[in-house]
Amino acid sequence: MRYLIDTNILIYAVAEPDLLSNDVAAIIAEPDTVLYITLNL
């Protein structure tokens, strides 16, 4: 499945994965998951 995540989720996933909810962590860990990331520059 494909998901659009914001930069906060990306930062938490990389720097502090324990701060993610169990549901979000499970989605990110799923091998078939494709993540699209928004960048607000």
PDB file of N, CA and C in Angstrom:
ATOM      1  N   MET A   1       0.842  -1.166   0.000  1.00  0.00           N
ATOM      2  CA  MET A   1       0.000   0.000   0.000  1.00  0.00           C
ATOM      3  C   MET A   1       0.894   1.238   0.000  1.00  0.00           C
ATOM      4  N   ARG A   2       0.366   2.348  -0.466  1.00  0.00           N
ATOM      5  CA  ARG A   2       1.114   3.600  -0.525  1.00  0.00           C
ATOM      6  C   ARG A   2       0.553   4.584   0.498  1.00  0.00           C
ATOM      7  N   TYR A   3       1.468   5.310   1.152  1.00  0.00           N
ATOM      8  CA  TYR A   3       1.088   6.291   2.166  1.00  0.00           C
ATOM      9  C   TYR A   3       1.847   7.584   1.940  1.00  0.00           C
ATOM     10  N   LEU A   4       1.176   8.692   2.170  1.00  0.00           N
ATOM     11  CA  LEU A   4       1.805  10.004   2.155  1.00  0.00           C
ATOM     12  C   LEU A   4       2.034  10.409   3.606  1.00  0.00           C
ATOM     13  N   ILE A   5       3.292  10.640   3.969  1.00  0.00           N
ATOM     14  CA  ILE A   5       3.601  11.033   5.343  1.00  0.00           C
ATOM     15  C   ILE A   5       4.224  12.424   5.336  1.00  0.00           C
ATOM     16  N   ASP A   6       4.078  13.112   6.437  1.00  0.00           N
ATOM     17  CA  ASP A   6       4.693  14.437   6.527  1.00  0.00           C
ATOM     18  C   ASP A   6       6.089  14.322   7.130  1.00  0.00           C
ATOM     19  N   THR A   7       6.783  15.439   7.175  1.00  0.00           N
ATOM     20  CA  THR A   7       8.169  15.423   7.633  1.00  0.00           C
ATOM     21  C   THR A   7       8.296  15.030   9.107  1.00  0.00           C
ATOM     22  N   ASN A   8       7.298  15.316   9.919  1.00  0.00           N
ATOM     23  CA  ASN A   8       7.361  14.924  11.330  1.00  0.00           C
ATOM     24  C   ASN A   8       7.447  13.413  11.480  1.00  0.00           C
ATOM     25  N   ILE A   9       6.632  12.689  10.737  1.00  0.00           N
ATOM     26  CA  ILE A   9       6.658  11.228  10.806  1.00  0.00           C
ATOM     27  C   ILE A   9       8.007  10.710  10.324  1.00  0.00           C
ATOM     28  N   LEU A  10       8.539  11.307   9.268  1.00  0.00           N
ATOM     29  CA  LEU A  10       9.859  10.903   8.767  1.00  0.00           C
ATOM     30  C   LEU A  10      10.933  11.102   9.836  1.00  0.00           C
ATOM     31  N   ILE A  11      10.930  12.258  10.464  1.00  0.00           N
ATOM     32  CA  ILE A  11      11.937  12.544  11.495  1.00  0.00           C
ATOM     33  C   ILE A  11      11.809  11.578  12.668  1.00  0.00           C
ATOM     34  N   TYR A  12      10.596  11.343  13.124  1.00  0.00           N
ATOM     35  CA  TYR A  12      10.406  10.392  14.217  1.00  0.00           C
ATOM     36  C   TYR A  12      10.845   8.989  13.807  1.00  0.00           C
ATOM     37  N   ALA A  13      10.527   8.584  12.598  1.00  0.00           N
ATOM     38  CA  ALA A  13      10.873   7.237  12.137  1.00  0.00           C
ATOM     39  C   ALA A  13      12.389   7.043  12.093  1.00  0.00           C
ATOM     40  N   VAL A  14      13.114   8.094  11.751  1.00  0.00           N
ATOM     41  CA  VAL A  14      14.574   7.995  11.645  1.00  0.00           C
ATOM     42  C   VAL A  14      15.252   8.226  12.997  1.00  0.00           C
ATOM     43  N   ALA A  15      14.841   9.275  13.695  1.00  0.00           N
ATOM     44  CA  ALA A  15      15.561   9.690  14.906  1.00  0.00           C
ATOM     45  C   ALA A  15      15.010   9.089  16.198  1.00  0.00           C
ATOM     46  N   GLU A  16      13.710   8.978  16.319  1.00  0.00           N
ATOM     47  CA  GLU A  16      13.068   8.506  17.556  1.00  0.00           C
ATOM     48  C   GLU A  16      11.910   7.560  17.247  1.00  0.00           C
ATOM     49  N   PRO A  17      12.181   6.387  16.706  1.00  0.00           N
ATOM     50  CA  PRO A  17      11.088   5.488  16.310  1.00  0.00           C
ATOM     51  C   PRO A  17      10.191   5.051  17.470  1.00  0.00           C
ATOM     52  N   ASP A  18      10.679   5.133  18.697  1.00  0.00           N
ATOM     53  CA  ASP A  18       9.847   4.758  19.847  1.00  0.00           C
ATOM     54  C   ASP A  18       8.702   5.734  20.076  1.00  0.00           C
ATOM     55  N   LEU A  19       8.788   6.927  19.500  1.00  0.00           N
ATOM     56  CA  LEU A  19       7.722   7.913  19.650  1.00  0.00           C
ATOM     57  C   LEU A  19       6.544   7.656  18.714  1.00  0.00           C
ATOM     58  N   LEU A  20       6.729   6.788  17.727  1.00  0.00           N
ATOM     59  CA  LEU A  20       5.637   6.465  16.803  1.00  0.00           C
ATOM     60  C   LEU A  20       4.634   5.545  17.482  1.00  0.00           C
ATOM     61  N   SER A  21       3.384   5.692  17.094  1.00  0.00           N
ATOM     62  CA  SER A  21       2.375   4.766  17.613  1.00  0.00           C
ATOM     63  C   SER A  21       2.648   3.378  17.046  1.00  0.00           C
ATOM     64  N   ASN A  22       2.114   2.374  17.692  1.00  0.00           N
ATOM     65  CA  ASN A  22       2.300   1.000  17.218  1.00  0.00           C
ATOM     66  C   ASN A  22       1.738   0.812  15.820  1.00  0.00           C
ATOM     67  N   ASP A  23       0.606   1.457  15.522  1.00  0.00           N
ATOM     68  CA  ASP A  23      -0.006   1.334  14.205  1.00  0.00           C
ATOM     69  C   ASP A  23       0.892   1.912  13.113  1.00  0.00           C
ATOM     70  N   VAL A  24       1.433   3.091  13.363  1.00  0.00           N
ATOM     71  CA  VAL A  24       2.299   3.743  12.370  1.00  0.00           C
ATOM     72  C   VAL A  24       3.587   2.944  12.199  1.00  0.00           C
ATOM     73  N   ALA A  25       4.176   2.490  13.266  1.00  0.00           N
ATOM     74  CA  ALA A  25       5.404   1.696  13.184  1.00  0.00           C
ATOM     75  C   ALA A  25       5.173   0.407  12.389  1.00  0.00           C
ATOM     76  N   ALA A  26       4.024  -0.222  12.584  1.00  0.00           N
ATOM     77  CA  ALA A  26       3.713  -1.445  11.854  1.00  0.00           C
ATOM     78  C   ALA A  26       3.546  -1.171  10.364  1.00  0.00           C
ATOM     79  N   ILE A  27       2.927  -0.060  10.019  1.00  0.00           N
ATOM     80  CA  ILE A  27       2.753   0.306   8.608  1.00  0.00           C
ATOM     81  C   ILE A  27       4.108   0.547   7.959  1.00  0.00           C
ATOM     82  N   ILE A  28       4.968   1.289   8.629  1.00  0.00           N
ATOM     83  CA  ILE A  28       6.288   1.603   8.072  1.00  0.00           C
ATOM     84  C   ILE A  28       7.126   0.336   7.929  1.00  0.00           C
ATOM     85  N   ALA A  29       6.992  -0.597   8.856  1.00  0.00           N
ATOM     86  CA  ALA A  29       7.786  -1.820   8.837  1.00  0.00           C
ATOM     87  C   ALA A  29       7.321  -2.827   7.786  1.00  0.00           C
ATOM     88  N   GLU A  30       6.111  -2.670   7.294  1.00  0.00           N
ATOM     89  CA  GLU A  30       5.566  -3.601   6.300  1.00  0.00           C
ATOM     90  C   GLU A  30       6.397  -3.528   5.015  1.00  0.00           C
ATOM     91  N   PRO A  31       6.898  -4.672   4.504  1.00  0.00           N
ATOM     92  CA  PRO A  31       7.793  -4.635   3.344  1.00  0.00           C
ATOM     93  C   PRO A  31       7.154  -4.099   2.059  1.00  0.00           C
ATOM     94  N   ASP A  32       5.855  -4.229   1.914  1.00  0.00           N
ATOM     95  CA  ASP A  32       5.191  -3.768   0.694  1.00  0.00           C
ATOM     96  C   ASP A  32       4.753  -2.310   0.755  1.00  0.00           C
ATOM     97  N   THR A  33       5.035  -1.633   1.853  1.00  0.00           N
ATOM     98  CA  THR A  33       4.632  -0.247   2.020  1.00  0.00           C
ATOM     99  C   THR A  33       5.548   0.677   1.220  1.00  0.00           C
ATOM    100  N   VAL A  34       4.921   1.594   0.469  1.00  0.00           N
ATOM    101  CA  VAL A  34       5.646   2.637  -0.252  1.00  0.00           C
ATOM    102  C   VAL A  34       5.297   3.946   0.410  1.00  0.00           C
ATOM    103  N   LEU A  35       6.316   4.673   0.855  1.00  0.00           N
ATOM    104  CA  LEU A  35       6.096   5.940   1.542  1.00  0.00           C
ATOM    105  C   LEU A  35       6.433   7.102   0.621  1.00  0.00           C
ATOM    106  N   TYR A  36       5.524   8.063   0.552  1.00  0.00           N
ATOM    107  CA  TYR A  36       5.766   9.313  -0.140  1.00  0.00           C
ATOM    108  C   TYR A  36       5.884  10.373   0.941  1.00  0.00           C
ATOM    109  N   ILE A  37       6.831  11.284   0.782  1.00  0.00           N
ATOM    110  CA  ILE A  37       7.130  12.244   1.829  1.00  0.00           C
ATOM    111  C   ILE A  37       6.941  13.653   1.310  1.00  0.00           C
ATOM    112  N   THR A  38       6.233  14.474   2.074  1.00  0.00           N
ATOM    113  CA  THR A  38       6.095  15.874   1.724  1.00  0.00           C
ATOM    114  C   THR A  38       7.265  16.639   2.303  1.00  0.00           C
ATOM    115  N   LEU A  39       7.763  17.575   1.548  1.00  0.00           N
ATOM    116  CA  LEU A  39       8.858  18.425   2.019  1.00  0.00           C
ATOM    117  C   LEU A  39       8.400  19.867   1.919  1.00  0.00           C
ATOM    118  N   ASN A  40       8.330  20.528   3.050  1.00  0.00           N
ATOM    119  CA  ASN A  40       7.954  21.937   3.080  1.00  0.00           C
ATOM    120  C   ASN A  40       9.220  22.764   3.199  1.00  0.00           C
ATOM    121  N   LEU A  41       9.691  23.233   2.076  1.00  0.00           N
ATOM    122  CA  LEU A  41      10.926  24.001   2.068  1.00  0.00           C
ATOM    123  C   LEU A  41      10.635  25.485   2.099  1.00  0.00           C
TER     124      LEU A  41
END
